[in-house]
Amino acid sequence: MREPTATPTPGAAADRRGLAPGIVVATGTFTGFVDGSGTTAPRPEVQGTIEVSTHNGRLMVSLLDLDVGPVANTTILELNAVDGNATSGDFRVATSYLGDSEVTTATTQTFDLGYDTEMVTTDPSWMRTAVIWERVDGIGTLGRALATAPLTWTLPDQDPDLTVTDAGAGDLARGEVHYDSAGNPSAYVVAPLDALETIAIRFGITEHDILWLNPMRGYGMARAGETLNLSLYERGR
């Protein structure tokens, strides 16, 4: 199996759109997926690597020498928010970016990730695992998870010193707050009449920080009843 053609290169700026084309920002090596629930058998024939690189302000995914063994249906690539030791059920319900092009056995296969809107966030490092799925032909739904590759990113966080503190409801956001075991705000349930601006003020952060903490959210206003993540660790999960 060929090794990745390049090692990830740290960027000088947190926003990958400022990086020159062709810089590798993430790599991973595929292994056969074994469901932690014990419902799938290992696939020892799986091999191949993945690279994510910059391309004219966008992201390009390259699959190198990929082989997932015999499959009955088409296969597709997903970049998923949970870690590589998750179950297939975890992968199915997690935030992810799912490709729409068939994955084939080839020396090199490339995809434009199409990941380029401010609402989605310019920092894609929340995608922690590449997953190769078998898609059920004629239905289009995900079948078996065949292979996974934990992704190693070198894009720096847009705000590595981000600190979230709860100033209390007062006249601002009045929704329910969830806290982690250390007593830090970890999530916020949006109340009626809330706005991202007032939520950000309550927790001492910016609206941009809220969008960064909640990638793939896809809209720029607060919606009553939705739960916003406030934890760096849980970003995208």
C-alpha atoms as a PDB file:
ATOM      1  CA  MET A   1       0.000   0.000   0.000  1.00  0.00           C
ATOM      2  CA  ARG A   2       1.346   3.409  -0.909  1.00  0.00           C
ATOM      3  CA  GLU A   3       1.905   5.881   1.908  1.00  0.00           C
ATOM      4  CA  PRO A   4       0.157   9.284   1.794  1.00  0.00           C
ATOM      5  CA  THR A   5       1.842  11.565  -0.711  1.00  0.00           C
ATOM      6  CA  ALA A   6       2.271  14.325   1.841  1.00  0.00           C
ATOM      7  CA  THR A   7       2.077  14.918   5.548  1.00  0.00           C
ATOM      8  CA  PRO A   8      -0.370  17.495   6.889  1.00  0.00           C
ATOM      9  CA  THR A   9       1.093  20.976   6.809  1.00  0.00           C
ATOM     10  CA  PRO A  10       0.195  23.386   9.643  1.00  0.00           C
ATOM     11  CA  GLY A  11      -1.431  26.566   8.371  1.00  0.00           C
ATOM     12  CA  ALA A  12      -0.521  30.020   9.578  1.00  0.00           C
ATOM     13  CA  ALA A  13      -4.146  31.115   9.672  1.00  0.00           C
ATOM     14  CA  ALA A  14      -7.156  29.445  11.192  1.00  0.00           C
ATOM     15  CA  ASP A  15      -9.251  30.123   8.102  1.00  0.00           C
ATOM     16  CA  ARG A  16      -8.236  27.531   5.502  1.00  0.00           C
ATOM     17  CA  ARG A  17      -9.476  29.823   2.699  1.00  0.00           C
ATOM     18  CA  GLY A  18      -6.274  31.822   3.206  1.00  0.00           C
ATOM     19  CA  LEU A  19      -4.081  28.783   2.536  1.00  0.00           C
ATOM     20  CA  ALA A  20      -2.391  28.226  -0.808  1.00  0.00           C
ATOM     21  CA  PRO A  21      -3.831  25.491  -3.075  1.00  0.00           C
ATOM     22  CA  GLY A  22      -2.483  21.984  -2.650  1.00  0.00           C
ATOM     23  CA  ILE A  23      -1.712  22.102   1.081  1.00  0.00           C
ATOM     24  CA  VAL A  24      -2.614  18.827   2.797  1.00  0.00           C
ATOM     25  CA  VAL A  25      -4.583  19.637   5.950  1.00  0.00           C
ATOM     26  CA  ALA A  26      -5.730  16.155   7.020  1.00  0.00           C
ATOM     27  CA  THR A  27      -4.736  12.520   6.489  1.00  0.00           C
ATOM     28  CA  GLY A  28      -5.968   9.105   7.559  1.00  0.00           C
ATOM     29  CA  THR A  29      -5.469   5.385   6.915  1.00  0.00           C
ATOM     30  CA  PHE A  30      -8.424   3.056   6.318  1.00  0.00           C
ATOM     31  CA  THR A  31      -8.973  -0.180   8.206  1.00  0.00           C
ATOM     32  CA  GLY A  32     -11.875  -2.595   8.099  1.00  0.00           C
ATOM     33  CA  PHE A  33     -14.786  -1.433  10.236  1.00  0.00           C
ATOM     34  CA  VAL A  34     -15.727  -3.576  13.220  1.00  0.00           C
ATOM     35  CA  ASP A  35     -18.908  -2.478  14.975  1.00  0.00           C
ATOM     36  CA  GLY A  36     -18.467  -2.214  18.723  1.00  0.00           C
ATOM     37  CA  SER A  37     -21.849  -3.899  19.071  1.00  0.00           C
ATOM     38  CA  GLY A  38     -20.381  -7.076  17.542  1.00  0.00           C
ATOM     39  CA  THR A  39     -22.800  -7.123  14.603  1.00  0.00           C
ATOM     40  CA  THR A  40     -20.149  -6.862  11.867  1.00  0.00           C
ATOM     41  CA  ALA A  41     -17.135  -8.977  10.997  1.00  0.00           C
ATOM     42  CA  PRO A  42     -13.713  -7.451  10.259  1.00  0.00           C
ATOM     43  CA  ARG A  43     -12.661  -6.967   6.646  1.00  0.00           C
ATOM     44  CA  PRO A  44      -8.894  -7.662   6.643  1.00  0.00           C
ATOM     45  CA  GLU A  45      -8.596  -6.883   2.932  1.00  0.00           C
ATOM     46  CA  VAL A  46      -9.333  -3.169   3.485  1.00  0.00           C
ATOM     47  CA  GLN A  47      -6.488  -0.812   2.627  1.00  0.00           C
ATOM     48  CA  GLY A  48      -5.940   2.741   1.412  1.00  0.00           C
ATOM     49  CA  THR A  49      -5.446   6.263   2.673  1.00  0.00           C
ATOM     50  CA  ILE A  50      -7.273   9.596   2.531  1.00  0.00           C
ATOM     51  CA  GLU A  51      -5.959  13.133   2.170  1.00  0.00           C
ATOM     52  CA  VAL A  52      -7.859  16.407   2.500  1.00  0.00           C
ATOM     53  CA  SER A  53      -6.172  19.363   0.808  1.00  0.00           C
ATOM     54  CA  THR A  54      -6.892  22.983  -0.073  1.00  0.00           C
ATOM     55  CA  HIS A  55      -8.062  23.770  -3.581  1.00  0.00           C
ATOM     56  CA  ASN A  56      -8.879  27.327  -4.675  1.00  0.00           C
ATOM     57  CA  GLY A  57     -10.465  28.226  -1.345  1.00  0.00           C
ATOM     58  CA  ARG A  58     -12.318  24.935  -1.130  1.00  0.00           C
ATOM     59  CA  LEU A  59     -11.385  21.448   0.038  1.00  0.00           C
ATOM     60  CA  MET A  60     -10.422  18.445  -2.070  1.00  0.00           C
ATOM     61  CA  VAL A  61     -10.574  14.848  -0.825  1.00  0.00           C
ATOM     62  CA  SER A  62      -8.237  12.268  -2.355  1.00  0.00           C
ATOM     63  CA  LEU A  63      -8.579   8.513  -1.815  1.00  0.00           C
ATOM     64  CA  LEU A  64      -5.317   6.687  -2.510  1.00  0.00           C
ATOM     65  CA  ASP A  65      -5.071   2.955  -3.354  1.00  0.00           C
ATOM     66  CA  LEU A  66      -8.441   2.284  -1.721  1.00  0.00           C
ATOM     67  CA  ASP A  67      -9.699  -1.308  -1.590  1.00  0.00           C
ATOM     68  CA  VAL A  68     -12.584  -2.313   0.681  1.00  0.00           C
ATOM     69  CA  GLY A  69     -12.954  -5.848  -0.649  1.00  0.00           C
ATOM     70  CA  PRO A  70     -15.978  -7.367  -2.402  1.00  0.00           C
ATOM     71  CA  VAL A  71     -19.291  -5.537  -2.018  1.00  0.00           C
ATOM     72  CA  ALA A  72     -22.690  -6.101  -3.586  1.00  0.00           C
ATOM     73  CA  ASN A  73     -23.690  -2.446  -3.942  1.00  0.00           C
ATOM     74  CA  THR A  74     -22.150   0.958  -4.596  1.00  0.00           C
ATOM     75  CA  THR A  75     -19.991   2.587  -1.941  1.00  0.00           C
ATOM     76  CA  ILE A  76     -19.825   6.226  -0.830  1.00  0.00           C
ATOM     77  CA  LEU A  77     -17.639   8.363   1.422  1.00  0.00           C
ATOM     78  CA  GLU A  78     -18.791  10.145   4.573  1.00  0.00           C
ATOM     79  CA  LEU A  79     -16.793  12.502   6.807  1.00  0.00           C
ATOM     80  CA  ASN A  80     -18.270  12.034  10.276  1.00  0.00           C
ATOM     81  CA  ALA A  81     -18.064  13.983  13.526  1.00  0.00           C
ATOM     82  CA  VAL A  82     -17.644  11.052  15.916  1.00  0.00           C
ATOM     83  CA  ASP A  83     -14.443   9.157  16.660  1.00  0.00           C
ATOM     84  CA  GLY A  84     -13.358   6.061  14.770  1.00  0.00           C
ATOM     85  CA  ASN A  85     -14.241   3.642  17.579  1.00  0.00           C
ATOM     86  CA  ALA A  86     -17.956   4.471  17.316  1.00  0.00           C
ATOM     87  CA  THR A  87     -20.651   1.979  16.354  1.00  0.00           C
ATOM     88  CA  SER A  88     -22.444   2.132  13.018  1.00  0.00           C
ATOM     89  CA  GLY A  89     -25.468   3.458  14.907  1.00  0.00           C
ATOM     90  CA  ASP A  90     -23.362   6.311  16.285  1.00  0.00           C
ATOM     91  CA  PHE A  91     -22.145   7.174  12.795  1.00  0.00           C
ATOM     92  CA  ARG A  92     -25.685   7.140  11.388  1.00  0.00           C
ATOM     93  CA  VAL A  93     -27.046   9.770  13.782  1.00  0.00           C
ATOM     94  CA  ALA A  94     -23.974  12.017  14.073  1.00  0.00           C
ATOM     95  CA  THR A  95     -23.381  15.245  12.187  1.00  0.00           C
ATOM     96  CA  SER A  96     -21.572  14.487   8.955  1.00  0.00           C
ATOM     97  CA  TYR A  97     -20.777  15.490   5.408  1.00  0.00           C
ATOM     98  CA  LEU A  98     -21.975  12.751   3.044  1.00  0.00           C
ATOM     99  CA  GLY A  99     -20.586  12.615  -0.472  1.00  0.00           C
ATOM    100  CA  ASP A 100     -22.786  11.823  -3.454  1.00  0.00           C
ATOM    101  CA  SER A 101     -20.166  10.278  -5.765  1.00  0.00           C
ATOM    102  CA  GLU A 102     -19.513   6.549  -5.968  1.00  0.00           C
ATOM    103  CA  VAL A 103     -16.243   5.398  -4.426  1.00  0.00           C
ATOM    104  CA  THR A 104     -14.286   2.988  -6.607  1.00  0.00           C
ATOM    105  CA  THR A 105     -11.143   0.899  -6.374  1.00  0.00           C
ATOM    106  CA  ALA A 106      -8.592   3.142  -8.049  1.00  0.00           C
ATOM    107  CA  THR A 107      -5.040   4.365  -7.573  1.00  0.00           C
ATOM    108  CA  THR A 108      -6.296   7.899  -6.959  1.00  0.00           C
ATOM    109  CA  GLN A 109      -9.842   9.227  -6.726  1.00  0.00           C
ATOM    110  CA  THR A 110     -10.617  12.866  -5.922  1.00  0.00           C
ATOM    111  CA  PHE A 111     -13.758  14.708  -4.811  1.00  0.00           C
ATOM    112  CA  ASP A 112     -14.510  18.399  -4.371  1.00  0.00           C
ATOM    113  CA  LEU A 113     -15.891  18.578  -0.863  1.00  0.00           C
ATOM    114  CA  GLY A 114     -18.079  21.571  -1.719  1.00  0.00           C
ATOM    115  CA  TYR A 115     -17.596  22.893   1.796  1.00  0.00           C
ATOM    116  CA  ASP A 116     -17.583  26.650   1.464  1.00  0.00           C
ATOM    117  CA  THR A 117     -20.244  28.647   3.286  1.00  0.00           C
ATOM    118  CA  GLU A 118     -19.806  30.771   6.384  1.00  0.00           C
ATOM    119  CA  MET A 119     -22.870  29.209   7.983  1.00  0.00           C
ATOM    120  CA  VAL A 120     -21.212  25.802   7.743  1.00  0.00           C
ATOM    121  CA  THR A 121     -17.948  27.276   9.182  1.00  0.00           C
ATOM    122  CA  THR A 122     -14.567  27.591   7.539  1.00  0.00           C
ATOM    123  CA  ASP A 123     -12.929  25.175  10.007  1.00  0.00           C
ATOM    124  CA  PRO A 124     -13.739  21.571   9.001  1.00  0.00           C
ATOM    125  CA  SER A 125     -11.693  19.844  11.720  1.00  0.00           C
ATOM    126  CA  TRP A 126     -14.894  18.696  13.460  1.00  0.00           C
ATOM    127  CA  MET A 127     -14.970  15.878  10.885  1.00  0.00           C
ATOM    128  CA  ARG A 128     -13.070  13.261  12.883  1.00  0.00           C
ATOM    129  CA  THR A 129     -13.542  10.055  10.885  1.00  0.00           C
ATOM    130  CA  ALA A 130     -13.819   9.118   7.218  1.00  0.00           C
ATOM    131  CA  VAL A 131     -16.334   6.293   6.715  1.00  0.00           C
ATOM    132  CA  ILE A 132     -16.843   4.160   3.602  1.00  0.00           C
ATOM    133  CA  TRP A 133     -20.456   2.995   3.436  1.00  0.00           C
ATOM    134  CA  GLU A 134     -22.176   0.456   1.243  1.00  0.00           C
ATOM    135  CA  ARG A 135     -25.288   2.107  -0.181  1.00  0.00           C
ATOM    136  CA  VAL A 136     -28.346  -0.043  -0.800  1.00  0.00           C
ATOM    137  CA  ASP A 137     -28.930   0.235  -4.553  1.00  0.00           C
ATOM    138  CA  GLY A 138     -32.440   1.186  -5.590  1.00  0.00           C
ATOM    139  CA  ILE A 139     -33.153   2.705  -2.174  1.00  0.00           C
ATOM    140  CA  GLY A 140     -30.235   5.060  -1.642  1.00  0.00           C
ATOM    141  CA  THR A 141     -30.027   4.469   2.102  1.00  0.00           C
ATOM    142  CA  LEU A 142     -26.849   3.593   3.970  1.00  0.00           C
ATOM    143  CA  GLY A 143     -26.192  -0.104   4.377  1.00  0.00           C
ATOM    144  CA  ARG A 144     -23.071  -1.466   6.054  1.00  0.00           C
ATOM    145  CA  ALA A 145     -20.120   0.586   7.223  1.00  0.00           C
ATOM    146  CA  LEU A 146     -17.154  -1.057   5.495  1.00  0.00           C
ATOM    147  CA  ALA A 147     -14.090   0.935   6.515  1.00  0.00           C
ATOM    148  CA  THR A 148     -13.059   3.869   8.691  1.00  0.00           C
ATOM    149  CA  ALA A 149     -10.069   6.202   8.830  1.00  0.00           C
ATOM    150  CA  PRO A 150      -9.500   8.505  11.827  1.00  0.00           C
ATOM    151  CA  LEU A 151      -8.546  11.933  10.466  1.00  0.00           C
ATOM    152  CA  THR A 152      -5.521  13.863  11.704  1.00  0.00           C
ATOM    153  CA  TRP A 153      -6.043  17.602  11.110  1.00  0.00           C
ATOM    154  CA  THR A 154      -3.457  20.375  11.248  1.00  0.00           C
ATOM    155  CA  LEU A 155      -5.719  23.359  10.663  1.00  0.00           C
ATOM    156  CA  PRO A 156      -5.541  25.404  13.867  1.00  0.00           C
ATOM    157  CA  ASP A 157      -8.765  26.261  15.666  1.00  0.00           C
ATOM    158  CA  GLN A 158     -10.261  29.592  14.690  1.00  0.00           C
ATOM    159  CA  ASP A 159     -10.421  30.500  18.370  1.00  0.00           C
ATOM    160  CA  PRO A 160      -8.247  28.152  20.476  1.00  0.00           C
ATOM    161  CA  ASP A 161      -8.678  30.357  23.561  1.00  0.00           C
ATOM    162  CA  LEU A 162     -12.467  30.336  23.404  1.00  0.00           C
ATOM    163  CA  THR A 163     -13.953  30.350  26.904  1.00  0.00           C
ATOM    164  CA  VAL A 164     -17.682  30.034  27.575  1.00  0.00           C
ATOM    165  CA  THR A 165     -19.083  31.421  30.833  1.00  0.00           C
ATOM    166  CA  ASP A 166     -22.700  31.854  31.910  1.00  0.00           C
ATOM    167  CA  ALA A 167     -23.606  35.383  33.021  1.00  0.00           C
ATOM    168  CA  GLY A 168     -27.148  34.302  33.856  1.00  0.00           C
ATOM    169  CA  ALA A 169     -30.409  35.006  32.101  1.00  0.00           C
ATOM    170  CA  GLY A 170     -31.122  38.557  33.257  1.00  0.00           C
ATOM    171  CA  ASP A 171     -32.840  40.383  30.426  1.00  0.00           C
ATOM    172  CA  LEU A 172     -30.997  38.274  27.862  1.00  0.00           C
ATOM    173  CA  ALA A 173     -31.407  34.687  26.703  1.00  0.00           C
ATOM    174  CA  ARG A 174     -33.662  32.804  29.118  1.00  0.00           C
ATOM    175  CA  GLY A 175     -33.377  29.238  27.830  1.00  0.00           C
ATOM    176  CA  GLU A 176     -32.236  26.130  29.687  1.00  0.00           C
ATOM    177  CA  VAL A 177     -28.477  25.656  30.164  1.00  0.00           C
ATOM    178  CA  HIS A 178     -26.736  22.281  30.430  1.00  0.00           C
ATOM    179  CA  TYR A 179     -23.410  22.001  32.243  1.00  0.00           C
ATOM    180  CA  ASP A 180     -20.567  19.481  32.044  1.00  0.00           C
ATOM    181  CA  SER A 181     -19.079  17.637  35.019  1.00  0.00           C
ATOM    182  CA  ALA A 182     -16.757  20.578  35.716  1.00  0.00           C
ATOM    183  CA  GLY A 183     -19.667  23.019  35.888  1.00  0.00           C
ATOM    184  CA  ASN A 184     -18.972  24.687  32.539  1.00  0.00           C
ATOM    185  CA  PRO A 185     -21.830  25.508  30.142  1.00  0.00           C
ATOM    186  CA  SER A 186     -21.952  22.736  27.541  1.00  0.00           C
ATOM    187  CA  ALA A 187     -25.260  23.317  25.746  1.00  0.00           C
ATOM    188  CA  TYR A 188     -28.125  25.798  25.580  1.00  0.00           C
ATOM    189  CA  VAL A 189     -31.767  25.179  24.684  1.00  0.00           C
ATOM    190  CA  VAL A 190     -33.061  28.192  22.755  1.00  0.00           C
ATOM    191  CA  ALA A 191     -36.083  29.926  24.291  1.00  0.00           C
ATOM    192  CA  PRO A 192     -38.811  31.783  22.372  1.00  0.00           C
ATOM    193  CA  LEU A 193     -37.731  35.292  21.296  1.00  0.00           C
ATOM    194  CA  ASP A 194     -34.042  34.425  21.750  1.00  0.00           C
ATOM    195  CA  ALA A 195     -31.541  35.721  19.198  1.00  0.00           C
ATOM    196  CA  LEU A 196     -28.003  34.534  18.512  1.00  0.00           C
ATOM    197  CA  GLU A 197     -26.777  37.976  19.557  1.00  0.00           C
ATOM    198  CA  THR A 198     -28.311  37.787  23.042  1.00  0.00           C
ATOM    199  CA  ILE A 199     -27.278  34.148  23.484  1.00  0.00           C
ATOM    200  CA  ALA A 200     -23.702  35.090  22.624  1.00  0.00           C
ATOM    201  CA  ILE A 201     -23.749  37.985  25.107  1.00  0.00           C
ATOM    202  CA  ARG A 202     -25.016  35.729  27.898  1.00  0.00           C
ATOM    203  CA  PHE A 203     -22.114  33.309  27.415  1.00  0.00           C
ATOM    204  CA  GLY A 204     -19.404  35.889  26.728  1.00  0.00           C
ATOM    205  CA  ILE A 205     -18.769  34.813  23.150  1.00  0.00           C
ATOM    206  CA  THR A 206     -19.606  36.057  19.642  1.00  0.00           C
ATOM    207  CA  GLU A 207     -22.209  34.951  17.127  1.00  0.00           C
ATOM    208  CA  HIS A 208     -19.343  33.639  15.002  1.00  0.00           C
ATOM    209  CA  ASP A 209     -18.266  31.483  17.957  1.00  0.00           C
ATOM    210  CA  ILE A 210     -21.759  29.967  18.126  1.00  0.00           C
ATOM    211  CA  LEU A 211     -21.616  29.085  14.433  1.00  0.00           C
ATOM    212  CA  TRP A 212     -18.111  27.643  14.866  1.00  0.00           C
ATOM    213  CA  LEU A 213     -19.264  25.498  17.785  1.00  0.00           C
ATOM    214  CA  ASN A 214     -22.231  24.224  15.730  1.00  0.00           C
ATOM    215  CA  PRO A 215     -20.916  23.281  12.264  1.00  0.00           C
ATOM    216  CA  MET A 216     -23.325  22.211   9.498  1.00  0.00           C
ATOM    217  CA  ARG A 217     -26.133  24.057  11.274  1.00  0.00           C
ATOM    218  CA  GLY A 218     -26.874  25.892   8.045  1.00  0.00           C
ATOM    219  CA  TYR A 219     -28.845  28.974   9.173  1.00  0.00           C
ATOM    220  CA  GLY A 220     -28.057  32.219  10.933  1.00  0.00           C
ATOM    221  CA  MET A 221     -30.895  32.706  13.405  1.00  0.00           C
ATOM    222  CA  ALA A 222     -31.889  31.106  16.699  1.00  0.00           C
ATOM    223  CA  ARG A 223     -34.775  28.658  16.589  1.00  0.00           C
ATOM    224  CA  ALA A 224     -36.868  28.088  19.708  1.00  0.00           C
ATOM    225  CA  GLY A 225     -36.390  24.582  21.055  1.00  0.00           C
ATOM    226  CA  GLU A 226     -33.105  23.806  19.308  1.00  0.00           C
ATOM    227  CA  THR A 227     -30.079  22.854  21.378  1.00  0.00           C
ATOM    228  CA  LEU A 228     -26.875  24.781  20.688  1.00  0.00           C
ATOM    229  CA  ASN A 229     -23.554  23.202  21.562  1.00  0.00           C
ATOM    230  CA  LEU A 230     -21.260  25.330  23.754  1.00  0.00           C
ATOM    231  CA  SER A 231     -18.469  22.774  24.264  1.00  0.00           C
ATOM    232  CA  LEU A 232     -15.216  22.749  22.282  1.00  0.00           C
ATOM    233  CA  TYR A 233     -14.914  18.998  22.864  1.00  0.00           C
ATOM    234  CA  GLU A 234     -18.433  18.309  21.577  1.00  0.00           C
ATOM    235  CA  ARG A 235     -18.055  20.476  18.463  1.00  0.00           C
ATOM    236  CA  GLY A 236     -19.924  18.764  15.645  1.00  0.00           C
ATOM    237  CA  ARG A 237     -20.671  15.573  17.580  1.00  0.00           C
END
